[in-house]
Amino acid sequence: MTFQEKVYKIVRMIPKGSVLTYKQVARKIGHPLAFRAVGNILNKNTDRKVPCHRVIRSDGKIGGYNGLQGQKHYLLQKEGYLK
């Protein structure tokens, strides 16, 4: 399984209303320092089955979503993570 496939597998398992940080995803795939690589992979994701909007920054900020931060906020709000 490639690094990208591992990232997508972990992100697919994040339930609605929950989030992981980029760093947590990197740790779960066994590469704890690869959080930027995780972000780069998710930034290019076009597969709607991979809910990359559920991955946020370690400082609690939601970060970008294929360049559409407002869309990420909306999706997290709709799922009950944000009020």
N, C-alpha and C. Protein backbone atom coordinates (compact mmCIF):
# COMPACT_ATOMS: atom_id res chain seq x y z
N MET A 1 0.85 -1.18 0.00
CA MET A 1 0.00 0.00 0.00
C MET A 1 0.90 1.24 0.00
N THR A 2 0.58 2.19 -0.84
CA THR A 2 1.38 3.41 -0.92
C THR A 2 1.07 4.34 0.25
N PHE A 3 1.93 5.32 0.45
CA PHE A 3 1.73 6.32 1.50
C PHE A 3 0.38 7.00 1.30
N GLN A 4 0.08 7.39 0.07
CA GLN A 4 -1.18 8.07 -0.23
C GLN A 4 -2.37 7.17 0.11
N GLU A 5 -2.30 5.91 -0.25
CA GLU A 5 -3.40 4.98 0.04
C GLU A 5 -3.60 4.83 1.54
N LYS A 6 -2.50 4.82 2.30
CA LYS A 6 -2.60 4.73 3.76
C LYS A 6 -3.29 5.96 4.34
N VAL A 7 -2.93 7.13 3.81
CA VAL A 7 -3.56 8.37 4.27
C VAL A 7 -5.06 8.32 3.99
N TYR A 8 -5.43 7.97 2.77
CA TYR A 8 -6.85 7.91 2.41
C TYR A 8 -7.60 6.89 3.26
N LYS A 9 -6.99 5.76 3.55
CA LYS A 9 -7.64 4.72 4.37
C LYS A 9 -7.96 5.26 5.76
N ILE A 10 -7.01 5.94 6.39
CA ILE A 10 -7.23 6.51 7.73
C ILE A 10 -8.31 7.58 7.68
N VAL A 11 -8.24 8.46 6.71
CA VAL A 11 -9.19 9.57 6.62
C VAL A 11 -10.62 9.05 6.35
N ARG A 12 -10.74 8.00 5.58
CA ARG A 12 -12.07 7.41 5.33
C ARG A 12 -12.70 6.89 6.62
N MET A 13 -11.90 6.55 7.60
CA MET A 13 -12.41 5.98 8.85
C MET A 13 -12.83 7.04 9.88
N ILE A 14 -12.59 8.32 9.59
CA ILE A 14 -12.98 9.38 10.53
C ILE A 14 -14.50 9.53 10.45
N PRO A 15 -15.20 9.31 11.57
CA PRO A 15 -16.67 9.40 11.53
C PRO A 15 -17.16 10.84 11.42
N LYS A 16 -18.38 11.00 10.93
CA LYS A 16 -19.01 12.33 10.88
C LYS A 16 -19.01 12.93 12.27
N GLY A 17 -18.76 14.23 12.32
CA GLY A 17 -18.76 14.94 13.59
C GLY A 17 -17.45 14.83 14.35
N SER A 18 -16.47 14.14 13.79
CA SER A 18 -15.16 13.98 14.41
C SER A 18 -14.08 14.50 13.46
N VAL A 19 -12.93 14.77 14.02
CA VAL A 19 -11.79 15.21 13.22
C VAL A 19 -10.52 14.55 13.75
N LEU A 20 -9.51 14.54 12.93
CA LEU A 20 -8.14 14.21 13.32
C LEU A 20 -7.27 15.35 12.83
N THR A 21 -6.10 15.51 13.43
CA THR A 21 -5.15 16.49 12.92
C THR A 21 -4.28 15.82 11.87
N TYR A 22 -3.62 16.64 11.07
CA TYR A 22 -2.70 16.11 10.08
C TYR A 22 -1.63 15.26 10.78
N LYS A 23 -1.19 15.72 11.95
CA LYS A 23 -0.18 15.00 12.72
C LYS A 23 -0.71 13.65 13.20
N GLN A 24 -1.95 13.60 13.64
CA GLN A 24 -2.54 12.34 14.08
C GLN A 24 -2.65 11.34 12.93
N VAL A 25 -3.02 11.82 11.76
CA VAL A 25 -3.08 10.94 10.59
C VAL A 25 -1.69 10.39 10.29
N ALA A 26 -0.68 11.26 10.32
CA ALA A 26 0.69 10.83 10.05
C ALA A 26 1.13 9.77 11.06
N ARG A 27 0.81 9.96 12.32
CA ARG A 27 1.17 8.97 13.35
C ARG A 27 0.48 7.64 13.10
N LYS A 28 -0.79 7.68 12.74
CA LYS A 28 -1.56 6.46 12.53
C LYS A 28 -1.03 5.62 11.37
N ILE A 29 -0.39 6.25 10.42
CA ILE A 29 0.16 5.48 9.31
C ILE A 29 1.64 5.14 9.53
N GLY A 30 2.15 5.49 10.71
CA GLY A 30 3.51 5.11 11.06
C GLY A 30 4.60 6.06 10.62
N HIS A 31 4.22 7.29 10.27
CA HIS A 31 5.19 8.31 9.84
C HIS A 31 4.90 9.61 10.61
N PRO A 32 5.23 9.65 11.89
CA PRO A 32 4.82 10.78 12.74
C PRO A 32 5.32 12.16 12.32
N LEU A 33 6.36 12.22 11.53
CA LEU A 33 6.88 13.53 11.10
C LEU A 33 6.40 13.92 9.71
N ALA A 34 5.54 13.12 9.12
CA ALA A 34 5.10 13.36 7.74
C ALA A 34 3.77 14.12 7.67
N PHE A 35 3.48 14.94 8.66
CA PHE A 35 2.19 15.64 8.68
C PHE A 35 2.04 16.62 7.52
N ARG A 36 3.13 17.22 7.07
CA ARG A 36 3.03 18.12 5.90
C ARG A 36 2.75 17.33 4.63
N ALA A 37 3.33 16.15 4.52
CA ALA A 37 3.06 15.29 3.37
C ALA A 37 1.59 14.87 3.37
N VAL A 38 1.04 14.60 4.55
CA VAL A 38 -0.38 14.27 4.66
C VAL A 38 -1.21 15.44 4.13
N GLY A 39 -0.88 16.65 4.56
CA GLY A 39 -1.58 17.84 4.10
C GLY A 39 -1.49 18.02 2.59
N ASN A 40 -0.32 17.78 2.03
CA ASN A 40 -0.14 17.91 0.59
C ASN A 40 -0.98 16.89 -0.18
N ILE A 41 -1.06 15.68 0.34
CA ILE A 41 -1.87 14.65 -0.31
C ILE A 41 -3.34 15.04 -0.26
N LEU A 42 -3.80 15.46 0.91
CA LEU A 42 -5.22 15.79 1.05
C LEU A 42 -5.59 17.05 0.28
N ASN A 43 -4.66 17.95 0.12
CA ASN A 43 -4.91 19.18 -0.64
C ASN A 43 -5.20 18.88 -2.12
N LYS A 44 -4.69 17.76 -2.60
CA LYS A 44 -4.88 17.39 -4.00
C LYS A 44 -6.00 16.36 -4.19
N ASN A 45 -6.64 15.96 -3.11
CA ASN A 45 -7.67 14.93 -3.18
C ASN A 45 -8.89 15.41 -3.96
N THR A 46 -9.38 14.57 -4.86
CA THR A 46 -10.60 14.86 -5.59
C THR A 46 -11.67 13.78 -5.38
N ASP A 47 -11.34 12.75 -4.61
CA ASP A 47 -12.26 11.65 -4.35
C ASP A 47 -13.22 12.02 -3.22
N ARG A 48 -14.49 12.14 -3.52
CA ARG A 48 -15.47 12.53 -2.51
C ARG A 48 -15.67 11.48 -1.42
N LYS A 49 -15.18 10.27 -1.65
CA LYS A 49 -15.27 9.21 -0.64
C LYS A 49 -14.22 9.38 0.46
N VAL A 50 -13.28 10.29 0.25
CA VAL A 50 -12.25 10.60 1.24
C VAL A 50 -12.62 11.94 1.88
N PRO A 51 -13.17 11.92 3.10
CA PRO A 51 -13.65 13.16 3.73
C PRO A 51 -12.51 14.00 4.33
N CYS A 52 -11.68 14.54 3.46
CA CYS A 52 -10.50 15.26 3.92
C CYS A 52 -10.85 16.54 4.69
N HIS A 53 -12.10 16.98 4.63
CA HIS A 53 -12.50 18.14 5.43
C HIS A 53 -12.47 17.82 6.92
N ARG A 54 -12.37 16.54 7.28
CA ARG A 54 -12.34 16.13 8.68
C ARG A 54 -10.92 16.10 9.26
N VAL A 55 -9.97 16.63 8.52
CA VAL A 55 -8.59 16.72 9.01
C VAL A 55 -8.27 18.20 9.21
N ILE A 56 -7.84 18.53 10.43
CA ILE A 56 -7.59 19.93 10.79
C ILE A 56 -6.15 20.10 11.25
N ARG A 57 -5.79 21.35 11.51
CA ARG A 57 -4.44 21.68 11.98
C ARG A 57 -4.31 21.35 13.47
N SER A 58 -3.09 21.15 13.91
CA SER A 58 -2.83 20.84 15.32
C SER A 58 -3.17 21.98 16.26
N ASP A 59 -3.18 23.21 15.75
CA ASP A 59 -3.50 24.36 16.60
C ASP A 59 -5.01 24.57 16.74
N GLY A 60 -5.80 23.66 16.16
CA GLY A 60 -7.25 23.75 16.27
C GLY A 60 -7.92 24.50 15.14
N LYS A 61 -7.15 25.21 14.33
CA LYS A 61 -7.72 25.91 13.18
C LYS A 61 -8.07 24.88 12.11
N ILE A 62 -9.08 25.19 11.32
CA ILE A 62 -9.54 24.17 10.38
C ILE A 62 -8.66 24.05 9.15
N GLY A 63 -7.91 25.06 8.81
CA GLY A 63 -7.04 24.98 7.64
C GLY A 63 -7.81 25.07 6.34
N GLY A 64 -7.13 24.76 5.26
CA GLY A 64 -7.74 24.87 3.94
C GLY A 64 -8.44 23.60 3.51
N TYR A 65 -9.18 23.72 2.43
CA TYR A 65 -9.92 22.59 1.86
C TYR A 65 -9.92 22.78 0.37
N ASN A 66 -8.88 22.29 -0.28
CA ASN A 66 -8.69 22.53 -1.71
C ASN A 66 -8.85 24.01 -2.03
N GLY A 67 -8.35 24.84 -1.11
CA GLY A 67 -8.40 26.28 -1.30
C GLY A 67 -9.71 26.93 -0.89
N LEU A 68 -10.66 26.16 -0.37
CA LEU A 68 -11.97 26.70 -0.02
C LEU A 68 -12.24 26.56 1.48
N GLN A 69 -11.61 27.41 2.28
CA GLN A 69 -11.74 27.31 3.73
C GLN A 69 -13.19 27.43 4.17
N GLY A 70 -13.97 28.29 3.55
CA GLY A 70 -15.37 28.46 3.91
C GLY A 70 -16.17 27.18 3.69
N GLN A 71 -15.86 26.45 2.65
CA GLN A 71 -16.54 25.18 2.37
C GLN A 71 -16.22 24.16 3.44
N LYS A 72 -14.98 24.10 3.90
CA LYS A 72 -14.59 23.17 4.95
C LYS A 72 -15.33 23.50 6.24
N HIS A 73 -15.41 24.78 6.57
CA HIS A 73 -16.14 25.23 7.75
C HIS A 73 -17.61 24.81 7.65
N TYR A 74 -18.21 25.02 6.49
CA TYR A 74 -19.61 24.65 6.27
C TYR A 74 -19.82 23.14 6.48
N LEU A 75 -18.95 22.32 5.90
CA LEU A 75 -19.10 20.86 6.01
C LEU A 75 -18.94 20.39 7.46
N LEU A 76 -17.97 20.96 8.17
CA LEU A 76 -17.78 20.57 9.57
C LEU A 76 -18.95 21.03 10.43
N GLN A 77 -19.50 22.17 10.11
CA GLN A 77 -20.67 22.68 10.82
C GLN A 77 -21.88 21.79 10.55
N LYS A 78 -22.06 21.42 9.32
CA LYS A 78 -23.19 20.56 8.91
C LYS A 78 -23.12 19.20 9.61
N GLU A 79 -21.90 18.68 9.83
CA GLU A 79 -21.73 17.39 10.49
C GLU A 79 -21.76 17.49 12.01
N GLY A 80 -21.87 18.70 12.54
CA GLY A 80 -21.99 18.87 13.98
C GLY A 80 -20.69 19.06 14.72
N TYR A 81 -19.57 19.19 14.02
CA TYR A 81 -18.29 19.44 14.70
C TYR A 81 -18.17 20.88 15.13
N LEU A 82 -18.57 21.80 14.28
CA LEU A 82 -18.53 23.24 14.58
C LEU A 82 -19.94 23.76 14.80
N LYS A 83 -20.05 24.76 15.63
CA LYS A 83 -21.35 25.39 15.86
C LYS A 83 -21.44 26.69 15.12
